[in-house]
Amino acid sequence: MEYKEIKQLMEDMGNSKLDTINIEFPDGTKISMIKDTKKETVIPSDITNQTISLETSSTQVSNTMATIKKGEKIDDYKVIKSPMVGTFFESSSPSEAPFVKIGDKVHKGQVLCIVEAMKLMNEIESEFDGEIVEICVKNEDMVEYGMPLFKIR
């Protein structure tokens, strides 16, 4: 298949209602295309005590659920996100107590955890004062850049 034919196939798919297409030619050539159709999720402001299933564009994320408790505002907390890819540690060593636990009051600059990246131990500090509402990851979990680590109210 030549470049012009592939380009025409892409344009045709873009103008159609198809989300995915997989083609296998007799010579072994395979073409697979997925259309990125972004869908906006609107959450009504009067939702209480309900579970909402969230879906992302054409890629389905398994087990993505958001629970909104009665009376709790969605943006009632601030999120501390991982500044890097690495391994999350809740304490400086396995025999030590965690830096913080749910319900602890924290201050700006206080160490919350360690993220190990390339054998370097990076202390992650609180960006603001507040109370730990949720610890979003477990000890020794792999974390990605921008992944939520803590929710602070």
N, C-alpha and C. Protein backbone atom coordinates (compact mmCIF):
# COMPACT_ATOMS: atom_id res chain seq x y z
N MET A 1 0.86 -1.18 0.00
CA MET A 1 0.00 0.00 0.00
C MET A 1 0.90 1.23 0.00
N GLU A 2 0.57 2.19 -0.84
CA GLU A 2 1.39 3.39 -0.98
C GLU A 2 0.90 4.49 -0.03
N TYR A 3 1.78 5.49 0.16
CA TYR A 3 1.52 6.59 1.07
C TYR A 3 0.20 7.29 0.76
N LYS A 4 -0.09 7.56 -0.51
CA LYS A 4 -1.32 8.26 -0.89
C LYS A 4 -2.55 7.46 -0.50
N GLU A 5 -2.47 6.15 -0.64
CA GLU A 5 -3.60 5.29 -0.29
C GLU A 5 -3.82 5.29 1.23
N ILE A 6 -2.72 5.24 1.99
CA ILE A 6 -2.83 5.28 3.45
C ILE A 6 -3.41 6.61 3.90
N LYS A 7 -2.92 7.70 3.30
CA LYS A 7 -3.43 9.03 3.65
C LYS A 7 -4.92 9.14 3.33
N GLN A 8 -5.35 8.60 2.20
CA GLN A 8 -6.76 8.64 1.83
C GLN A 8 -7.59 7.82 2.80
N LEU A 9 -7.06 6.66 3.24
CA LEU A 9 -7.74 5.82 4.21
C LEU A 9 -7.93 6.55 5.53
N MET A 10 -6.90 7.30 5.95
CA MET A 10 -6.99 8.08 7.19
C MET A 10 -8.06 9.16 7.07
N GLU A 11 -8.09 9.85 5.94
CA GLU A 11 -9.09 10.90 5.73
C GLU A 11 -10.50 10.32 5.71
N ASP A 12 -10.66 9.17 5.04
CA ASP A 12 -11.97 8.53 4.97
C ASP A 12 -12.45 8.12 6.36
N MET A 13 -11.54 7.60 7.17
CA MET A 13 -11.92 7.19 8.52
C MET A 13 -12.29 8.42 9.36
N GLY A 14 -11.54 9.50 9.19
CA GLY A 14 -11.83 10.73 9.92
C GLY A 14 -13.20 11.28 9.61
N ASN A 15 -13.67 11.07 8.39
CA ASN A 15 -14.98 11.57 7.98
C ASN A 15 -16.11 10.59 8.26
N SER A 16 -15.76 9.37 8.70
CA SER A 16 -16.79 8.36 8.95
C SER A 16 -17.15 8.31 10.43
N LYS A 17 -18.10 7.45 10.77
CA LYS A 17 -18.51 7.28 12.16
C LYS A 17 -17.74 6.15 12.84
N LEU A 18 -16.78 5.54 12.14
CA LEU A 18 -15.97 4.46 12.73
C LEU A 18 -15.04 5.02 13.79
N ASP A 19 -14.86 4.26 14.90
CA ASP A 19 -13.90 4.64 15.93
C ASP A 19 -12.59 3.89 15.77
N THR A 20 -12.65 2.64 15.30
CA THR A 20 -11.45 1.84 15.10
C THR A 20 -11.54 1.06 13.80
N ILE A 21 -10.38 0.74 13.25
CA ILE A 21 -10.33 -0.10 12.05
C ILE A 21 -9.02 -0.88 12.08
N ASN A 22 -9.11 -2.17 11.76
CA ASN A 22 -7.94 -3.05 11.67
C ASN A 22 -7.99 -3.74 10.32
N ILE A 23 -6.91 -3.61 9.54
CA ILE A 23 -6.85 -4.21 8.21
C ILE A 23 -5.58 -5.06 8.14
N GLU A 24 -5.72 -6.30 7.63
CA GLU A 24 -4.56 -7.16 7.42
C GLU A 24 -4.57 -7.58 5.96
N PHE A 25 -3.48 -7.26 5.25
CA PHE A 25 -3.37 -7.57 3.84
C PHE A 25 -2.71 -8.93 3.66
N PRO A 26 -2.94 -9.60 2.51
CA PRO A 26 -2.37 -10.93 2.27
C PRO A 26 -0.84 -10.98 2.36
N ASP A 27 -0.18 -9.84 2.09
CA ASP A 27 1.30 -9.83 2.15
C ASP A 27 1.82 -9.70 3.58
N GLY A 28 0.91 -9.65 4.58
CA GLY A 28 1.32 -9.55 5.98
C GLY A 28 1.29 -8.14 6.54
N THR A 29 1.07 -7.15 5.72
CA THR A 29 1.00 -5.76 6.17
C THR A 29 -0.27 -5.57 7.00
N LYS A 30 -0.12 -4.91 8.14
CA LYS A 30 -1.26 -4.66 9.02
C LYS A 30 -1.40 -3.16 9.26
N ILE A 31 -2.62 -2.68 9.24
CA ILE A 31 -2.91 -1.28 9.54
C ILE A 31 -3.98 -1.27 10.61
N SER A 32 -3.73 -0.52 11.68
CA SER A 32 -4.68 -0.39 12.77
C SER A 32 -4.82 1.09 13.10
N MET A 33 -6.04 1.61 13.11
CA MET A 33 -6.27 3.02 13.41
C MET A 33 -7.36 3.15 14.47
N ILE A 34 -7.15 4.09 15.37
CA ILE A 34 -8.13 4.39 16.41
C ILE A 34 -8.38 5.89 16.37
N LYS A 35 -9.65 6.27 16.23
CA LYS A 35 -10.02 7.68 16.18
C LYS A 35 -10.12 8.20 17.61
N ASP A 36 -9.49 9.32 17.89
CA ASP A 36 -9.53 9.94 19.21
C ASP A 36 -10.73 10.87 19.26
N THR A 37 -11.83 10.35 19.77
CA THR A 37 -13.05 11.14 19.89
C THR A 37 -13.20 11.55 21.34
N LYS A 38 -12.85 12.78 21.64
CA LYS A 38 -12.92 13.27 23.01
C LYS A 38 -14.36 13.58 23.38
N LYS A 39 -14.74 13.06 24.54
CA LYS A 39 -16.10 13.29 25.03
C LYS A 39 -15.99 14.04 26.35
N GLU A 40 -16.82 15.03 26.52
CA GLU A 40 -16.80 15.81 27.75
C GLU A 40 -17.76 15.19 28.75
N THR A 41 -17.29 15.02 29.98
CA THR A 41 -18.12 14.48 31.05
C THR A 41 -18.60 15.63 31.92
N VAL A 42 -19.90 15.79 32.04
CA VAL A 42 -20.47 16.86 32.83
C VAL A 42 -21.06 16.25 34.09
N ILE A 43 -20.66 16.77 35.25
CA ILE A 43 -21.17 16.29 36.53
C ILE A 43 -22.10 17.36 37.09
N PRO A 44 -23.40 17.03 37.22
CA PRO A 44 -24.34 18.01 37.76
C PRO A 44 -23.94 18.40 39.19
N SER A 45 -24.22 19.65 39.56
CA SER A 45 -23.81 20.15 40.87
C SER A 45 -24.67 19.59 42.00
N ASP A 46 -25.82 18.97 41.70
CA ASP A 46 -26.70 18.49 42.76
C ASP A 46 -26.52 17.00 43.06
N ILE A 47 -25.42 16.39 42.62
CA ILE A 47 -25.18 14.97 42.86
C ILE A 47 -24.79 14.76 44.32
N THR A 48 -25.46 13.81 44.97
CA THR A 48 -25.09 13.44 46.33
C THR A 48 -25.22 11.94 46.48
N ASN A 49 -24.21 11.32 47.10
CA ASN A 49 -24.23 9.90 47.43
C ASN A 49 -24.47 9.01 46.21
N GLN A 50 -23.81 9.33 45.09
CA GLN A 50 -23.94 8.54 43.88
C GLN A 50 -22.57 8.15 43.37
N THR A 51 -22.52 7.09 42.57
CA THR A 51 -21.27 6.66 41.96
C THR A 51 -21.36 6.97 40.48
N ILE A 52 -20.28 7.56 39.96
CA ILE A 52 -20.25 7.99 38.57
C ILE A 52 -19.15 7.23 37.85
N SER A 53 -19.43 6.66 36.71
CA SER A 53 -18.42 5.95 35.92
C SER A 53 -17.87 6.93 34.90
N LEU A 54 -16.56 7.09 34.87
CA LEU A 54 -15.92 8.01 33.95
C LEU A 54 -15.26 7.24 32.81
N GLU A 55 -15.38 7.73 31.57
CA GLU A 55 -14.73 7.11 30.43
C GLU A 55 -13.88 8.16 29.73
N THR A 56 -12.74 7.75 29.22
CA THR A 56 -11.92 8.68 28.47
C THR A 56 -12.05 8.35 27.00
N SER A 57 -11.91 9.34 26.16
CA SER A 57 -12.06 9.25 24.71
C SER A 57 -12.30 7.84 24.20
N SER A 58 -11.44 7.32 23.33
CA SER A 58 -11.67 5.98 22.81
C SER A 58 -10.92 4.94 23.61
N THR A 59 -10.09 5.37 24.53
CA THR A 59 -9.36 4.43 25.37
C THR A 59 -10.13 4.24 26.65
N GLN A 60 -10.48 3.01 26.96
CA GLN A 60 -11.24 2.76 28.17
C GLN A 60 -10.28 2.53 29.33
N VAL A 61 -10.54 3.17 30.43
CA VAL A 61 -9.73 3.01 31.62
C VAL A 61 -10.51 2.10 32.57
N SER A 62 -9.90 0.96 32.90
CA SER A 62 -10.61 0.00 33.75
C SER A 62 -10.66 0.50 35.18
N ASN A 63 -11.75 0.19 35.82
CA ASN A 63 -11.96 0.51 37.23
C ASN A 63 -11.85 1.99 37.55
N THR A 64 -12.24 2.86 36.64
CA THR A 64 -12.20 4.29 36.92
C THR A 64 -13.56 4.70 37.46
N MET A 65 -13.61 4.89 38.76
CA MET A 65 -14.86 5.26 39.41
C MET A 65 -14.61 6.45 40.31
N ALA A 66 -15.59 7.32 40.41
CA ALA A 66 -15.48 8.46 41.33
C ALA A 66 -16.71 8.43 42.22
N THR A 67 -16.51 8.46 43.51
CA THR A 67 -17.62 8.47 44.45
C THR A 67 -17.67 9.82 45.12
N ILE A 68 -18.82 10.44 45.09
CA ILE A 68 -19.00 11.74 45.71
C ILE A 68 -19.88 11.53 46.94
N LYS A 69 -19.34 11.81 48.10
CA LYS A 69 -20.09 11.62 49.34
C LYS A 69 -21.05 12.78 49.55
N LYS A 70 -22.11 12.51 50.27
CA LYS A 70 -23.13 13.52 50.53
C LYS A 70 -22.52 14.73 51.23
N GLY A 71 -22.75 15.90 50.66
CA GLY A 71 -22.27 17.13 51.26
C GLY A 71 -20.82 17.47 50.95
N GLU A 72 -20.08 16.57 50.30
CA GLU A 72 -18.67 16.86 50.02
C GLU A 72 -18.55 17.55 48.67
N LYS A 73 -17.78 18.63 48.65
CA LYS A 73 -17.56 19.34 47.41
C LYS A 73 -16.46 18.62 46.64
N ILE A 74 -16.55 18.64 45.32
CA ILE A 74 -15.55 17.96 44.50
C ILE A 74 -14.18 18.60 44.69
N ASP A 75 -14.10 19.91 44.73
CA ASP A 75 -12.81 20.58 44.86
C ASP A 75 -12.61 21.10 46.29
N ASP A 76 -13.02 20.30 47.28
CA ASP A 76 -12.92 20.67 48.68
C ASP A 76 -11.52 20.42 49.22
N TYR A 77 -10.63 19.90 48.41
CA TYR A 77 -9.28 19.57 48.84
C TYR A 77 -8.27 19.97 47.78
N LYS A 78 -7.01 20.01 48.20
CA LYS A 78 -5.91 20.29 47.28
C LYS A 78 -5.15 18.99 47.09
N VAL A 79 -4.52 18.82 45.95
CA VAL A 79 -3.84 17.57 45.62
C VAL A 79 -2.34 17.80 45.52
N ILE A 80 -1.57 16.95 46.20
CA ILE A 80 -0.11 16.93 46.05
C ILE A 80 0.17 15.86 45.00
N LYS A 81 0.80 16.25 43.89
CA LYS A 81 1.08 15.32 42.80
C LYS A 81 2.56 14.97 42.77
N SER A 82 2.84 13.82 42.19
CA SER A 82 4.23 13.38 42.08
C SER A 82 4.96 14.26 41.06
N PRO A 83 6.12 14.79 41.44
CA PRO A 83 6.88 15.62 40.51
C PRO A 83 7.75 14.80 39.56
N MET A 84 7.71 13.46 39.69
CA MET A 84 8.57 12.61 38.87
C MET A 84 8.05 11.18 38.84
N VAL A 85 8.65 10.37 37.98
CA VAL A 85 8.37 8.95 37.92
C VAL A 85 9.30 8.26 38.90
N GLY A 86 8.77 7.32 39.67
CA GLY A 86 9.62 6.61 40.62
C GLY A 86 8.81 5.69 41.52
N THR A 87 9.39 5.33 42.67
CA THR A 87 8.75 4.46 43.65
C THR A 87 8.40 5.28 44.89
N PHE A 88 7.15 5.16 45.34
CA PHE A 88 6.64 5.89 46.49
C PHE A 88 7.00 5.15 47.77
N PHE A 89 7.56 5.89 48.74
CA PHE A 89 7.84 5.33 50.06
C PHE A 89 7.20 6.23 51.10
N GLU A 90 6.44 5.63 52.02
CA GLU A 90 5.74 6.40 53.05
C GLU A 90 6.64 6.75 54.23
N SER A 91 7.82 6.12 54.33
CA SER A 91 8.74 6.41 55.43
C SER A 91 10.17 6.33 54.92
N SER A 92 11.12 6.78 55.75
CA SER A 92 12.53 6.80 55.33
C SER A 92 13.17 5.41 55.35
N SER A 93 12.57 4.46 56.10
CA SER A 93 13.04 3.07 56.09
C SER A 93 11.88 2.17 56.51
N PRO A 94 11.94 0.89 56.18
CA PRO A 94 10.82 -0.01 56.50
C PRO A 94 10.51 -0.09 58.00
N SER A 95 11.52 0.14 58.85
CA SER A 95 11.28 0.04 60.30
C SER A 95 10.75 1.35 60.90
N GLU A 96 10.77 2.43 60.14
CA GLU A 96 10.30 3.74 60.62
C GLU A 96 8.80 3.89 60.42
N ALA A 97 8.19 4.76 61.21
CA ALA A 97 6.76 5.10 61.05
C ALA A 97 6.60 5.97 59.79
N PRO A 98 5.42 5.92 59.17
CA PRO A 98 5.17 6.77 58.00
C PRO A 98 5.34 8.25 58.35
N PHE A 99 5.74 9.05 57.35
CA PHE A 99 5.88 10.49 57.56
C PHE A 99 4.53 11.09 57.98
N VAL A 100 3.45 10.67 57.30
CA VAL A 100 2.10 11.17 57.61
C VAL A 100 1.09 10.04 57.46
N LYS A 101 -0.06 10.23 58.11
CA LYS A 101 -1.18 9.31 57.94
C LYS A 101 -2.45 10.14 57.82
N ILE A 102 -3.53 9.50 57.43
CA ILE A 102 -4.80 10.20 57.26
C ILE A 102 -5.21 10.85 58.58
N GLY A 103 -5.59 12.12 58.50
CA GLY A 103 -6.00 12.87 59.68
C GLY A 103 -4.90 13.75 60.25
N ASP A 104 -3.65 13.53 59.83
CA ASP A 104 -2.54 14.35 60.33
C ASP A 104 -2.64 15.78 59.80
N LYS A 105 -2.30 16.75 60.65
CA LYS A 105 -2.18 18.15 60.23
C LYS A 105 -0.77 18.33 59.68
N VAL A 106 -0.66 18.95 58.51
CA VAL A 106 0.65 19.19 57.90
C VAL A 106 0.85 20.67 57.63
N HIS A 107 2.10 21.06 57.52
CA HIS A 107 2.46 22.45 57.25
C HIS A 107 3.26 22.53 55.96
N LYS A 108 3.20 23.68 55.32
CA LYS A 108 3.96 23.89 54.10
C LYS A 108 5.43 23.59 54.37
N GLY A 109 6.04 22.76 53.49
CA GLY A 109 7.44 22.41 53.64
C GLY A 109 7.70 21.13 54.43
N GLN A 110 6.67 20.58 55.05
CA GLN A 110 6.81 19.33 55.81
C GLN A 110 6.95 18.15 54.85
N VAL A 111 7.86 17.22 55.14
CA VAL A 111 8.08 16.04 54.29
C VAL A 111 6.88 15.10 54.43
N LEU A 112 6.31 14.70 53.28
CA LEU A 112 5.15 13.82 53.27
C LEU A 112 5.52 12.39 52.89
N CYS A 113 6.53 12.25 52.01
CA CYS A 113 6.92 10.94 51.53
C CYS A 113 8.26 11.06 50.81
N ILE A 114 8.71 9.94 50.29
CA ILE A 114 9.93 9.91 49.46
C ILE A 114 9.56 9.25 48.15
N VAL A 115 10.05 9.80 47.05
CA VAL A 115 9.92 9.15 45.75
C VAL A 115 11.33 8.84 45.28
N GLU A 116 11.61 7.55 45.11
CA GLU A 116 12.93 7.12 44.64
C GLU A 116 12.92 7.11 43.12
N ALA A 117 13.88 7.80 42.54
CA ALA A 117 14.02 7.84 41.10
C ALA A 117 15.50 7.70 40.76
N MET A 118 15.84 6.66 40.02
CA MET A 118 17.22 6.41 39.61
C MET A 118 18.16 6.34 40.82
N LYS A 119 17.73 5.63 41.84
CA LYS A 119 18.51 5.41 43.08
C LYS A 119 18.70 6.68 43.91
N LEU A 120 17.98 7.75 43.59
CA LEU A 120 18.03 8.97 44.38
C LEU A 120 16.74 9.07 45.18
N MET A 121 16.87 9.35 46.48
CA MET A 121 15.70 9.49 47.35
C MET A 121 15.30 10.96 47.39
N ASN A 122 14.13 11.26 46.84
CA ASN A 122 13.64 12.64 46.75
C ASN A 122 12.52 12.85 47.76
N GLU A 123 12.73 13.75 48.72
CA GLU A 123 11.71 14.05 49.71
C GLU A 123 10.65 14.94 49.07
N ILE A 124 9.40 14.53 49.20
CA ILE A 124 8.29 15.32 48.66
C ILE A 124 7.67 16.08 49.83
N GLU A 125 7.64 17.41 49.70
CA GLU A 125 7.16 18.26 50.78
C GLU A 125 5.77 18.79 50.47
N SER A 126 5.03 19.12 51.53
CA SER A 126 3.71 19.69 51.37
C SER A 126 3.84 21.09 50.76
N GLU A 127 2.94 21.39 49.85
CA GLU A 127 2.94 22.69 49.20
C GLU A 127 2.08 23.70 49.96
N PHE A 128 1.31 23.22 50.95
CA PHE A 128 0.43 24.09 51.71
C PHE A 128 0.07 23.46 53.05
N ASP A 129 -0.52 24.25 53.95
CA ASP A 129 -0.97 23.77 55.25
C ASP A 129 -2.32 23.07 55.08
N GLY A 130 -2.60 22.11 55.97
CA GLY A 130 -3.90 21.45 55.94
C GLY A 130 -3.89 20.13 56.66
N GLU A 131 -4.90 19.32 56.36
CA GLU A 131 -5.06 18.00 56.97
C GLU A 131 -5.08 16.95 55.88
N ILE A 132 -4.36 15.85 56.08
CA ILE A 132 -4.32 14.75 55.11
C ILE A 132 -5.70 14.08 55.10
N VAL A 133 -6.37 14.12 53.95
CA VAL A 133 -7.69 13.53 53.79
C VAL A 133 -7.57 12.14 53.17
N GLU A 134 -6.62 11.99 52.24
CA GLU A 134 -6.46 10.71 51.56
C GLU A 134 -5.02 10.54 51.11
N ILE A 135 -4.52 9.31 51.24
CA ILE A 135 -3.23 8.94 50.67
C ILE A 135 -3.58 8.10 49.45
N CYS A 136 -3.27 8.59 48.27
CA CYS A 136 -3.77 8.01 47.02
C CYS A 136 -2.98 6.80 46.54
N VAL A 137 -1.80 6.55 47.08
CA VAL A 137 -0.98 5.41 46.66
C VAL A 137 -0.53 4.61 47.88
N LYS A 138 -0.10 3.40 47.64
CA LYS A 138 0.37 2.54 48.72
C LYS A 138 1.89 2.53 48.74
N ASN A 139 2.44 2.15 49.89
CA ASN A 139 3.89 2.08 50.04
C ASN A 139 4.49 1.18 48.97
N GLU A 140 5.56 1.64 48.36
CA GLU A 140 6.33 0.95 47.32
C GLU A 140 5.61 0.84 45.98
N ASP A 141 4.52 1.59 45.79
CA ASP A 141 3.86 1.65 44.48
C ASP A 141 4.69 2.48 43.53
N MET A 142 4.62 2.15 42.24
CA MET A 142 5.24 2.97 41.21
C MET A 142 4.32 4.17 40.96
N VAL A 143 4.92 5.35 40.86
CA VAL A 143 4.14 6.56 40.58
C VAL A 143 4.64 7.20 39.30
N GLU A 144 3.77 7.93 38.65
CA GLU A 144 4.10 8.62 37.41
C GLU A 144 4.11 10.12 37.65
N TYR A 145 4.69 10.85 36.74
CA TYR A 145 4.70 12.31 36.83
C TYR A 145 3.25 12.81 36.83
N GLY A 146 2.91 13.67 37.78
CA GLY A 146 1.59 14.26 37.86
C GLY A 146 0.53 13.40 38.53
N MET A 147 0.92 12.21 38.97
CA MET A 147 -0.04 11.31 39.63
C MET A 147 -0.35 11.82 41.03
N PRO A 148 -1.62 11.87 41.45
CA PRO A 148 -1.97 12.32 42.79
C PRO A 148 -1.37 11.41 43.87
N LEU A 149 -0.72 12.02 44.87
CA LEU A 149 -0.16 11.27 45.99
C LEU A 149 -0.99 11.47 47.25
N PHE A 150 -1.35 12.74 47.53
CA PHE A 150 -2.09 13.07 48.74
C PHE A 150 -3.19 14.07 48.42
N LYS A 151 -4.29 13.97 49.19
CA LYS A 151 -5.35 14.98 49.12
C LYS A 151 -5.36 15.66 50.49
N ILE A 152 -5.28 16.99 50.46
CA ILE A 152 -5.18 17.77 51.70
C ILE A 152 -6.34 18.78 51.73
N ARG A 153 -6.97 18.85 52.89
CA ARG A 153 -8.08 19.81 53.06
C ARG A 153 -7.60 20.92 53.96
